[in-house]
């Protein structure tokens, strides 16, 4: 949502639950967007991700979509049982690279 209302150059979503419900805002995005999803996530279904990515494509917005097959929801939160150190390190490296390009 921040990317739609603020003049950001880039934005990143880690397992953005509910973003499918605001997919109509894709047309309003200001900056490039990087999405991370957990492939084992039971909270965010493939259909939800498809809705978001379809909206990005329809709005002709720049994005990168990353689904980490072995990660669960909240894989980067070390206070949760779903924390996955490997996925977090990989996502963080991609995050830094993305921000370096923006």
PDB file of N, CA and C in Angstrom:
ATOM      1  N   UNK A   1       0.823  -1.193   0.000  1.00  0.00           N
ATOM      2  CA  UNK A   1       0.000   0.000   0.000  1.00  0.00           C
ATOM      3  C   UNK A   1       0.868   1.258   0.000  1.00  0.00           C
ATOM      4  N   UNK A   2       1.988   1.198   0.745  1.00  0.00           N
ATOM      5  CA  UNK A   2       2.861   2.374   0.809  1.00  0.00           C
ATOM      6  C   UNK A   2       3.356   2.767  -0.579  1.00  0.00           C
ATOM      7  N   UNK A   3       3.655   1.800  -1.411  1.00  0.00           N
ATOM      8  CA  UNK A   3       4.147   2.071  -2.762  1.00  0.00           C
ATOM      9  C   UNK A   3       3.080   2.764  -3.615  1.00  0.00           C
ATOM     10  N   UNK A   4       1.837   2.588  -3.265  1.00  0.00           N
ATOM     11  CA  UNK A   4       0.749   3.208  -4.026  1.00  0.00           C
ATOM     12  C   UNK A   4       0.457   4.631  -3.563  1.00  0.00           C
ATOM     13  N   UNK A   5       0.767   4.951  -2.324  1.00  0.00           N
ATOM     14  CA  UNK A   5       0.408   6.279  -1.812  1.00  0.00           C
ATOM     15  C   UNK A   5       1.602   7.198  -1.584  1.00  0.00           C
ATOM     16  N   UNK A   6       2.814   6.633  -1.555  1.00  0.00           N
ATOM     17  CA  UNK A   6       4.023   7.436  -1.366  1.00  0.00           C
ATOM     18  C   UNK A   6       4.886   7.374  -2.626  1.00  0.00           C
ATOM     19  N   UNK A   7       5.622   8.414  -2.928  1.00  0.00           N
ATOM     20  CA  UNK A   7       6.456   8.417  -4.140  1.00  0.00           C
ATOM     21  C   UNK A   7       7.754   7.622  -3.952  1.00  0.00           C
ATOM     22  N   UNK A   8       7.623   6.333  -3.691  1.00  0.00           N
ATOM     23  CA  UNK A   8       8.774   5.473  -3.467  1.00  0.00           C
ATOM     24  C   UNK A   8       9.432   5.087  -4.787  1.00  0.00           C
ATOM     25  N   UNK A   9      10.755   4.911  -4.761  1.00  0.00           N
ATOM     26  CA  UNK A   9      11.473   4.407  -5.934  1.00  0.00           C
ATOM     27  C   UNK A   9      11.392   2.892  -6.000  1.00  0.00           C
ATOM     28  N   UNK A  10      11.229   2.271  -4.819  1.00  0.00           N
ATOM     29  CA  UNK A  10      11.172   0.808  -4.752  1.00  0.00           C
ATOM     30  C   UNK A  10      10.472   0.400  -3.464  1.00  0.00           C
ATOM     31  N   UNK A  11       9.884  -0.799  -3.482  1.00  0.00           N
ATOM     32  CA  UNK A  11       9.219  -1.336  -2.293  1.00  0.00           C
ATOM     33  C   UNK A  11       9.388  -2.853  -2.292  1.00  0.00           C
ATOM     34  N   UNK A  12       9.297  -3.416  -1.087  1.00  0.00           N
ATOM     35  CA  UNK A  12       9.494  -4.854  -0.921  1.00  0.00           C
ATOM     36  C   UNK A  12       8.422  -5.400   0.008  1.00  0.00           C
ATOM     37  N   UNK A  13       7.858  -6.531  -0.363  1.00  0.00           N
ATOM     38  CA  UNK A  13       6.869  -7.211   0.469  1.00  0.00           C
ATOM     39  C   UNK A  13       7.385  -8.599   0.810  1.00  0.00           C
ATOM     40  N   UNK A  14       7.477  -8.872   2.080  1.00  0.00           N
ATOM     41  CA  UNK A  14       7.787 -10.221   2.544  1.00  0.00           C
ATOM     42  C   UNK A  14       6.468 -10.855   2.946  1.00  0.00           C
ATOM     43  N   UNK A  15       6.104 -11.964   2.269  1.00  0.00           N
ATOM     44  CA  UNK A  15       4.867 -12.703   2.538  1.00  0.00           C
ATOM     45  C   UNK A  15       3.708 -11.752   2.847  1.00  0.00           C
ATOM     46  N   UNK A  16       3.334 -10.974   1.838  1.00  0.00           N
ATOM     47  CA  UNK A  16       2.322  -9.931   1.992  1.00  0.00           C
ATOM     48  C   UNK A  16       0.903 -10.455   2.004  1.00  0.00           C
ATOM     49  N   UNK A  17       0.505 -10.997   3.126  1.00  0.00           N
ATOM     50  CA  UNK A  17      -0.867 -11.465   3.272  1.00  0.00           C
ATOM     51  C   UNK A  17      -1.856 -10.324   3.092  1.00  0.00           C
ATOM     52  N   UNK A  18      -2.874 -10.565   2.339  1.00  0.00           N
ATOM     53  CA  UNK A  18      -3.913  -9.558   2.117  1.00  0.00           C
ATOM     54  C   UNK A  18      -3.643  -8.649   0.935  1.00  0.00           C
ATOM     55  N   UNK A  19      -2.455  -8.739   0.336  1.00  0.00           N
ATOM     56  CA  UNK A  19      -2.188  -7.861  -0.801  1.00  0.00           C
ATOM     57  C   UNK A  19      -3.118  -8.155  -1.980  1.00  0.00           C
ATOM     58  N   UNK A  20      -3.637  -9.367  -2.036  1.00  0.00           N
ATOM     59  CA  UNK A  20      -4.576  -9.683  -3.105  1.00  0.00           C
ATOM     60  C   UNK A  20      -5.863  -8.876  -2.974  1.00  0.00           C
ATOM     61  N   UNK A  21      -6.201  -8.458  -1.755  1.00  0.00           N
ATOM     62  CA  UNK A  21      -7.430  -7.683  -1.542  1.00  0.00           C
ATOM     63  C   UNK A  21      -7.278  -6.223  -1.952  1.00  0.00           C
ATOM     64  N   UNK A  22      -6.034  -5.793  -2.176  1.00  0.00           N
ATOM     65  CA  UNK A  22      -5.787  -4.420  -2.642  1.00  0.00           C
ATOM     66  C   UNK A  22      -5.055  -4.426  -3.982  1.00  0.00           C
ATOM     67  N   UNK A  23      -5.166  -5.515  -4.702  1.00  0.00           N
ATOM     68  CA  UNK A  23      -4.472  -5.650  -5.987  1.00  0.00           C
ATOM     69  C   UNK A  23      -4.883  -4.569  -6.978  1.00  0.00           C
ATOM     70  N   UNK A  24      -6.074  -4.014  -6.813  1.00  0.00           N
ATOM     71  CA  UNK A  24      -6.519  -2.941  -7.699  1.00  0.00           C
ATOM     72  C   UNK A  24      -5.654  -1.687  -7.561  1.00  0.00           C
ATOM     73  N   UNK A  25      -4.855  -1.590  -6.523  1.00  0.00           N
ATOM     74  CA  UNK A  25      -3.952  -0.448  -6.313  1.00  0.00           C
ATOM     75  C   UNK A  25      -2.684  -0.570  -7.148  1.00  0.00           C
ATOM     76  N   UNK A  26      -2.473  -1.695  -7.804  1.00  0.00           N
ATOM     77  CA  UNK A  26      -1.257  -1.901  -8.594  1.00  0.00           C
ATOM     78  C   UNK A  26      -1.055  -0.782  -9.609  1.00  0.00           C
ATOM     79  N   UNK A  27      -2.128  -0.295 -10.172  1.00  0.00           N
ATOM     80  CA  UNK A  27      -2.031   0.770 -11.167  1.00  0.00           C
ATOM     81  C   UNK A  27      -1.454   2.050 -10.589  1.00  0.00           C
ATOM     82  N   UNK A  28      -1.510   2.207  -9.270  1.00  0.00           N
ATOM     83  CA  UNK A  28      -1.051   3.421  -8.612  1.00  0.00           C
ATOM     84  C   UNK A  28       0.381   3.339  -8.084  1.00  0.00           C
ATOM     85  N   UNK A  29       1.037   2.201  -8.260  1.00  0.00           N
ATOM     86  CA  UNK A  29       2.381   2.043  -7.710  1.00  0.00           C
ATOM     87  C   UNK A  29       3.354   3.019  -8.357  1.00  0.00           C
ATOM     88  N   UNK A  30       4.227   3.551  -7.518  1.00  0.00           N
ATOM     89  CA  UNK A  30       5.223   4.509  -7.991  1.00  0.00           C
ATOM     90  C   UNK A  30       6.542   3.840  -8.363  1.00  0.00           C
ATOM     91  N   UNK A  31       6.981   2.900  -7.564  1.00  0.00           N
ATOM     92  CA  UNK A  31       8.295   2.300  -7.758  1.00  0.00           C
ATOM     93  C   UNK A  31       8.228   0.819  -8.081  1.00  0.00           C
ATOM     94  N   UNK A  32       9.407   0.287  -8.418  1.00  0.00           N
ATOM     95  CA  UNK A  32       9.546  -1.152  -8.647  1.00  0.00           C
ATOM     96  C   UNK A  32       9.159  -1.888  -7.375  1.00  0.00           C
ATOM     97  N   UNK A  33       8.763  -3.149  -7.507  1.00  0.00           N
ATOM     98  CA  UNK A  33       8.334  -3.907  -6.330  1.00  0.00           C
ATOM     99  C   UNK A  33       8.945  -5.305  -6.349  1.00  0.00           C
ATOM    100  N   UNK A  34       9.405  -5.719  -5.178  1.00  0.00           N
ATOM    101  CA  UNK A  34       9.955  -7.055  -4.983  1.00  0.00           C
ATOM    102  C   UNK A  34       9.044  -7.804  -4.024  1.00  0.00           C
ATOM    103  N   UNK A  35       8.543  -8.942  -4.469  1.00  0.00           N
ATOM    104  CA  UNK A  35       7.653  -9.768  -3.650  1.00  0.00           C
ATOM    105  C   UNK A  35       8.373 -11.035  -3.216  1.00  0.00           C
ATOM    106  N   UNK A  36       8.230 -11.385  -1.946  1.00  0.00           N
ATOM    107  CA  UNK A  36       8.703 -12.672  -1.428  1.00  0.00           C
ATOM    108  C   UNK A  36       7.517 -13.443  -0.874  1.00  0.00           C
ATOM    109  N   UNK A  37       7.456 -14.714  -1.188  1.00  0.00           N
ATOM    110  CA  UNK A  37       6.404 -15.608  -0.703  1.00  0.00           C
ATOM    111  C   UNK A  37       7.045 -16.915  -0.251  1.00  0.00           C
ATOM    112  N   UNK A  38       6.434 -17.557   0.705  1.00  0.00           N
ATOM    113  CA  UNK A  38       6.873 -18.877   1.130  1.00  0.00           C
ATOM    114  C   UNK A  38       6.091 -19.948   0.395  1.00  0.00           C
ATOM    115  N   UNK A  39       6.783 -20.872  -0.221  1.00  0.00           N
ATOM    116  CA  UNK A  39       6.118 -21.935  -0.961  1.00  0.00           C
ATOM    117  C   UNK A  39       5.318 -22.883  -0.083  1.00  0.00           C
ATOM    118  N   UNK A  40       5.646 -22.944   1.206  1.00  0.00           N
ATOM    119  CA  UNK A  40       4.919 -23.806   2.148  1.00  0.00           C
ATOM    120  C   UNK A  40       3.846 -23.055   2.932  1.00  0.00           C
ATOM    121  N   UNK A  41       3.645 -21.800   2.594  1.00  0.00           N
ATOM    122  CA  UNK A  41       2.704 -20.939   3.318  1.00  0.00           C
ATOM    123  C   UNK A  41       1.270 -21.437   3.147  1.00  0.00           C
ATOM    124  N   UNK A  42       0.626 -21.761   4.256  1.00  0.00           N
ATOM    125  CA  UNK A  42      -0.777 -22.210   4.233  1.00  0.00           C
ATOM    126  C   UNK A  42      -1.745 -21.023   4.333  1.00  0.00           C
ATOM    127  N   UNK A  43      -1.218 -19.832   4.687  1.00  0.00           N
ATOM    128  CA  UNK A  43      -2.048 -18.635   4.851  1.00  0.00           C
ATOM    129  C   UNK A  43      -2.253 -17.896   3.531  1.00  0.00           C
ATOM    130  N   UNK A  44      -1.222 -17.891   2.705  1.00  0.00           N
ATOM    131  CA  UNK A  44      -1.292 -17.197   1.422  1.00  0.00           C
ATOM    132  C   UNK A  44      -1.233 -18.258   0.326  1.00  0.00           C
ATOM    133  N   UNK A  45      -2.328 -18.427  -0.338  1.00  0.00           N
ATOM    134  CA  UNK A  45      -2.474 -19.468  -1.358  1.00  0.00           C
ATOM    135  C   UNK A  45      -1.910 -19.000  -2.709  1.00  0.00           C
ATOM    136  N   UNK A  46      -1.631 -19.937  -3.566  1.00  0.00           N
ATOM    137  CA  UNK A  46      -1.145 -19.628  -4.918  1.00  0.00           C
ATOM    138  C   UNK A  46      -2.115 -18.710  -5.655  1.00  0.00           C
ATOM    139  N   UNK A  47      -3.409 -18.887  -5.410  1.00  0.00           N
ATOM    140  CA  UNK A  47      -4.413 -18.035  -6.056  1.00  0.00           C
ATOM    141  C   UNK A  47      -4.249 -16.578  -5.621  1.00  0.00           C
ATOM    142  N   UNK A  48      -3.922 -16.365  -4.338  1.00  0.00           N
ATOM    143  CA  UNK A  48      -3.727 -15.010  -3.834  1.00  0.00           C
ATOM    144  C   UNK A  48      -2.523 -14.355  -4.522  1.00  0.00           C
ATOM    145  N   UNK A  49      -1.457 -15.111  -4.648  1.00  0.00           N
ATOM    146  CA  UNK A  49      -0.256 -14.608  -5.315  1.00  0.00           C
ATOM    147  C   UNK A  49      -0.564 -14.313  -6.778  1.00  0.00           C
ATOM    148  N   UNK A  50      -1.279 -15.213  -7.417  1.00  0.00           N
ATOM    149  CA  UNK A  50      -1.650 -15.028  -8.825  1.00  0.00           C
ATOM    150  C   UNK A  50      -2.446 -13.728  -9.007  1.00  0.00           C
ATOM    151  N   UNK A  51      -3.346 -13.432  -8.097  1.00  0.00           N
ATOM    152  CA  UNK A  51      -4.138 -12.199  -8.168  1.00  0.00           C
ATOM    153  C   UNK A  51      -3.229 -10.974  -8.142  1.00  0.00           C
ATOM    154  N   UNK A  52      -2.261 -10.985  -7.246  1.00  0.00           N
ATOM    155  CA  UNK A  52      -1.331  -9.856  -7.114  1.00  0.00           C
ATOM    156  C   UNK A  52      -0.493  -9.700  -8.378  1.00  0.00           C
ATOM    157  N   UNK A  53       0.098 -10.788  -8.828  1.00  0.00           N
ATOM    158  CA  UNK A  53       0.989 -10.724  -9.986  1.00  0.00           C
ATOM    159  C   UNK A  53       0.208 -10.390 -11.264  1.00  0.00           C
ATOM    160  N   UNK A  54      -0.983 -10.900 -11.399  1.00  0.00           N
ATOM    161  CA  UNK A  54      -1.823 -10.566 -12.559  1.00  0.00           C
ATOM    162  C   UNK A  54      -2.139  -9.078 -12.581  1.00  0.00           C
ATOM    163  N   UNK A  55      -2.404  -8.504 -11.418  1.00  0.00           N
ATOM    164  CA  UNK A  55      -2.686  -7.066 -11.335  1.00  0.00           C
ATOM    165  C   UNK A  55      -1.448  -6.250 -11.705  1.00  0.00           C
ATOM    166  N   UNK A  56      -0.277  -6.713 -11.281  1.00  0.00           N
ATOM    167  CA  UNK A  56       0.967  -6.017 -11.626  1.00  0.00           C
ATOM    168  C   UNK A  56       1.187  -6.048 -13.140  1.00  0.00           C
ATOM    169  N   UNK A  57       0.943  -7.193 -13.732  1.00  0.00           N
ATOM    170  CA  UNK A  57       1.119  -7.314 -15.182  1.00  0.00           C
ATOM    171  C   UNK A  57       0.098  -6.476 -15.940  1.00  0.00           C
ATOM    172  N   UNK A  58      -1.150  -6.497 -15.497  1.00  0.00           N
ATOM    173  CA  UNK A  58      -2.192  -5.710 -16.158  1.00  0.00           C
ATOM    174  C   UNK A  58      -1.878  -4.213 -16.078  1.00  0.00           C
ATOM    175  N   UNK A  59      -1.276  -3.790 -14.967  1.00  0.00           N
ATOM    176  CA  UNK A  59      -0.923  -2.380 -14.778  1.00  0.00           C
ATOM    177  C   UNK A  59       0.423  -2.036 -15.421  1.00  0.00           C
ATOM    178  N   UNK A  60       1.090  -3.055 -15.988  1.00  0.00           N
ATOM    179  CA  UNK A  60       2.390  -2.890 -16.632  1.00  0.00           C
ATOM    180  C   UNK A  60       3.421  -2.261 -15.687  1.00  0.00           C
ATOM    181  N   UNK A  61       3.462  -2.772 -14.456  1.00  0.00           N
ATOM    182  CA  UNK A  61       4.398  -2.295 -13.448  1.00  0.00           C
ATOM    183  C   UNK A  61       5.611  -3.208 -13.372  1.00  0.00           C
ATOM    184  N   UNK A  62       6.739  -2.622 -13.007  1.00  0.00           N
ATOM    185  CA  UNK A  62       7.967  -3.401 -12.841  1.00  0.00           C
ATOM    186  C   UNK A  62       7.934  -4.134 -11.514  1.00  0.00           C
ATOM    187  N   UNK A  63       8.231  -5.419 -11.546  1.00  0.00           N
ATOM    188  CA  UNK A  63       8.229  -6.209 -10.316  1.00  0.00           C
ATOM    189  C   UNK A  63       9.146  -7.412 -10.468  1.00  0.00           C
ATOM    190  N   UNK A  64       9.523  -7.954  -9.325  1.00  0.00           N
ATOM    191  CA  UNK A  64      10.217  -9.231  -9.250  1.00  0.00           C
ATOM    192  C   UNK A  64       9.422 -10.082  -8.276  1.00  0.00           C
ATOM    193  N   UNK A  65       9.131 -11.294  -8.660  1.00  0.00           N
ATOM    194  CA  UNK A  65       8.327 -12.193  -7.845  1.00  0.00           C
ATOM    195  C   UNK A  65       9.183 -13.391  -7.436  1.00  0.00           C
ATOM    196  N   UNK A  66       9.366 -13.579  -6.121  1.00  0.00           N
ATOM    197  CA  UNK A  66      10.198 -14.666  -5.616  1.00  0.00           C
ATOM    198  C   UNK A  66       9.360 -15.549  -4.691  1.00  0.00           C
ATOM    199  N   UNK A  67       9.254 -16.806  -5.054  1.00  0.00           N
ATOM    200  CA  UNK A  67       8.582 -17.783  -4.206  1.00  0.00           C
ATOM    201  C   UNK A  67       9.637 -18.787  -3.756  1.00  0.00           C
ATOM    202  N   UNK A  68       9.921 -18.794  -2.463  1.00  0.00           N
ATOM    203  CA  UNK A  68      10.931 -19.691  -1.918  1.00  0.00           C
ATOM    204  C   UNK A  68      10.224 -20.990  -1.548  1.00  0.00           C
ATOM    205  N   UNK A  69      10.461 -22.021  -2.326  1.00  0.00           N
ATOM    206  CA  UNK A  69       9.683 -23.262  -2.249  1.00  0.00           C
ATOM    207  C   UNK A  69       9.716 -23.920  -0.882  1.00  0.00           C
ATOM    208  N   UNK A  70      10.812 -23.849  -0.189  1.00  0.00           N
ATOM    209  CA  UNK A  70      10.976 -24.558   1.086  1.00  0.00           C
ATOM    210  C   UNK A  70      10.677 -23.685   2.312  1.00  0.00           C
ATOM    211  N   UNK A  71      10.203 -22.469   2.099  1.00  0.00           N
ATOM    212  CA  UNK A  71       9.936 -21.552   3.215  1.00  0.00           C
ATOM    213  C   UNK A  71       8.453 -21.481   3.528  1.00  0.00           C
ATOM    214  N   UNK A  72       8.155 -21.244   4.801  1.00  0.00           N
ATOM    215  CA  UNK A  72       6.780 -21.104   5.267  1.00  0.00           C
ATOM    216  C   UNK A  72       6.464 -19.619   5.452  1.00  0.00           C
ATOM    217  N   UNK A  73       5.250 -19.322   5.872  1.00  0.00           N
ATOM    218  CA  UNK A  73       4.860 -17.952   6.177  1.00  0.00           C
ATOM    219  C   UNK A  73       5.741 -17.427   7.308  1.00  0.00           C
ATOM    220  N   UNK A  74       6.115 -16.179   7.222  1.00  0.00           N
ATOM    221  CA  UNK A  74       6.941 -15.513   8.238  1.00  0.00           C
ATOM    222  C   UNK A  74       8.318 -16.152   8.378  1.00  0.00           C
ATOM    223  N   UNK A  75       8.866 -16.615   7.266  1.00  0.00           N
ATOM    224  CA  UNK A  75      10.155 -17.306   7.301  1.00  0.00           C
ATOM    225  C   UNK A  75      11.304 -16.433   7.799  1.00  0.00           C
ATOM    226  N   UNK A  76      11.146 -15.118   7.764  1.00  0.00           N
ATOM    227  CA  UNK A  76      12.228 -14.224   8.192  1.00  0.00           C
ATOM    228  C   UNK A  76      12.052 -13.706   9.612  1.00  0.00           C
ATOM    229  N   UNK A  77      11.050 -14.173  10.315  1.00  0.00           N
ATOM    230  CA  UNK A  77      10.796 -13.733  11.692  1.00  0.00           C
ATOM    231  C   UNK A  77      11.380 -14.761  12.657  1.00  0.00           C
ATOM    232  N   UNK A  78      12.497 -14.399  13.278  1.00  0.00           N
ATOM    233  CA  UNK A  78      13.181 -15.382  14.129  1.00  0.00           C
ATOM    234  C   UNK A  78      12.491 -15.626  15.468  1.00  0.00           C
ATOM    235  N   UNK A  79      11.357 -14.987  15.702  1.00  0.00           N
ATOM    236  CA  UNK A  79      10.552 -15.250  16.908  1.00  0.00           C
ATOM    237  C   UNK A  79       9.463 -16.295  16.650  1.00  0.00           C
ATOM    238  N   UNK A  80       9.389 -16.802  15.430  1.00  0.00           N
ATOM    239  CA  UNK A  80       8.330 -17.748  15.083  1.00  0.00           C
ATOM    240  C   UNK A  80       8.918 -19.105  14.739  1.00  0.00           C
ATOM    241  N   UNK A  81       8.136 -20.151  14.959  1.00  0.00           N
ATOM    242  CA  UNK A  81       8.615 -21.506  14.620  1.00  0.00           C
ATOM    243  C   UNK A  81       8.880 -21.679  13.125  1.00  0.00           C
ATOM    244  N   UNK A  82       8.270 -20.865  12.295  1.00  0.00           N
ATOM    245  CA  UNK A  82       8.438 -20.981  10.849  1.00  0.00           C
ATOM    246  C   UNK A  82       9.719 -20.313  10.341  1.00  0.00           C
ATOM    247  N   UNK A  83      10.488 -19.715  11.243  1.00  0.00           N
ATOM    248  CA  UNK A  83      11.735 -19.057  10.846  1.00  0.00           C
ATOM    249  C   UNK A  83      12.627 -20.035  10.089  1.00  0.00           C
ATOM    250  N   UNK A  84      13.180 -19.556   8.982  1.00  0.00           N
ATOM    251  CA  UNK A  84      14.073 -20.374   8.178  1.00  0.00           C
ATOM    252  C   UNK A  84      15.315 -19.527   7.870  1.00  0.00           C
ATOM    253  N   UNK A  85      16.409 -19.867   8.504  1.00  0.00           N
ATOM    254  CA  UNK A  85      17.629 -19.068   8.382  1.00  0.00           C
ATOM    255  C   UNK A  85      18.130 -19.002   6.941  1.00  0.00           C
ATOM    256  N   UNK A  86      18.115 -20.113   6.251  1.00  0.00           N
ATOM    257  CA  UNK A  86      18.603 -20.134   4.874  1.00  0.00           C
ATOM    258  C   UNK A  86      17.747 -19.242   3.980  1.00  0.00           C
ATOM    259  N   UNK A  87      16.440 -19.386   4.079  1.00  0.00           N
ATOM    260  CA  UNK A  87      15.533 -18.561   3.266  1.00  0.00           C
ATOM    261  C   UNK A  87      15.706 -17.084   3.602  1.00  0.00           C
ATOM    262  N   UNK A  88      15.881 -16.784   4.882  1.00  0.00           N
ATOM    263  CA  UNK A  88      16.062 -15.398   5.301  1.00  0.00           C
ATOM    264  C   UNK A  88      17.333 -14.809   4.704  1.00  0.00           C
ATOM    265  N   UNK A  89      18.417 -15.551   4.760  1.00  0.00           N
ATOM    266  CA  UNK A  89      19.687 -15.068   4.207  1.00  0.00           C
ATOM    267  C   UNK A  89      19.583 -14.857   2.696  1.00  0.00           C
ATOM    268  N   UNK A  90      18.930 -15.779   2.022  1.00  0.00           N
ATOM    269  CA  UNK A  90      18.773 -15.644   0.571  1.00  0.00           C
ATOM    270  C   UNK A  90      17.883 -14.451   0.226  1.00  0.00           C
ATOM    271  N   UNK A  91      16.783 -14.320   0.948  1.00  0.00           N
ATOM    272  CA  UNK A  91      15.877 -13.195   0.706  1.00  0.00           C
ATOM    273  C   UNK A  91      16.573 -11.864   0.996  1.00  0.00           C
ATOM    274  N   UNK A  92      17.365 -11.832   2.055  1.00  0.00           N
ATOM    275  CA  UNK A  92      18.061 -10.602   2.410  1.00  0.00           C
ATOM    276  C   UNK A  92      19.076 -10.230   1.327  1.00  0.00           C
ATOM    277  N   UNK A  93      19.803 -11.202   0.794  1.00  0.00           N
ATOM    278  CA  UNK A  93      20.756 -10.927  -0.285  1.00  0.00           C
ATOM    279  C   UNK A  93      20.039 -10.363  -1.514  1.00  0.00           C
ATOM    280  N   UNK A  94      18.901 -10.946  -1.858  1.00  0.00           N
ATOM    281  CA  UNK A  94      18.116 -10.434  -2.987  1.00  0.00           C
ATOM    282  C   UNK A  94      17.566  -9.044  -2.690  1.00  0.00           C
ATOM    283  N   UNK A  95      17.162  -8.818  -1.446  1.00  0.00           N
ATOM    284  CA  UNK A  95      16.653  -7.506  -1.040  1.00  0.00           C
ATOM    285  C   UNK A  95      17.728  -6.438  -1.228  1.00  0.00           C
ATOM    286  N   UNK A  96      18.933  -6.701  -0.749  1.00  0.00           N
ATOM    287  CA  UNK A  96      20.023  -5.741  -0.869  1.00  0.00           C
ATOM    288  C   UNK A  96      20.380  -5.487  -2.335  1.00  0.00           C
ATOM    289  N   UNK A  97      20.394  -6.531  -3.134  1.00  0.00           N
ATOM    290  CA  UNK A  97      20.670  -6.378  -4.560  1.00  0.00           C
ATOM    291  C   UNK A  97      19.587  -5.527  -5.230  1.00  0.00           C
ATOM    292  N   UNK A  98      18.344  -5.793  -4.902  1.00  0.00           N
ATOM    293  CA  UNK A  98      17.221  -5.044  -5.464  1.00  0.00           C
ATOM    294  C   UNK A  98      17.320  -3.572  -5.097  1.00  0.00           C
ATOM    295  N   UNK A  99      17.590  -3.282  -3.838  1.00  0.00           N
ATOM    296  CA  UNK A  99      17.698  -1.893  -3.398  1.00  0.00           C
ATOM    297  C   UNK A  99      18.904  -1.205  -4.020  1.00  0.00           C
ATOM    298  N   UNK A 100      19.956  -1.964  -4.268  1.00  0.00           N
ATOM    299  CA  UNK A 100      21.129  -1.405  -4.924  1.00  0.00           C
ATOM    300  C   UNK A 100      20.875  -1.006  -6.362  1.00  0.00           C
ATOM    301  N   UNK A 101      19.912  -1.668  -6.981  1.00  0.00           N
ATOM    302  CA  UNK A 101      19.555  -1.394  -8.367  1.00  0.00           C
ATOM    303  C   UNK A 101      18.527  -0.268  -8.490  1.00  0.00           C
ATOM    304  N   UNK A 102      17.832   0.030  -7.412  1.00  0.00           N
ATOM    305  CA  UNK A 102      16.716   1.011  -7.478  1.00  0.00           C
ATOM    306  C   UNK A 102      17.183   2.431  -7.270  1.00  0.00           C
TER     307      UNK A 102
END
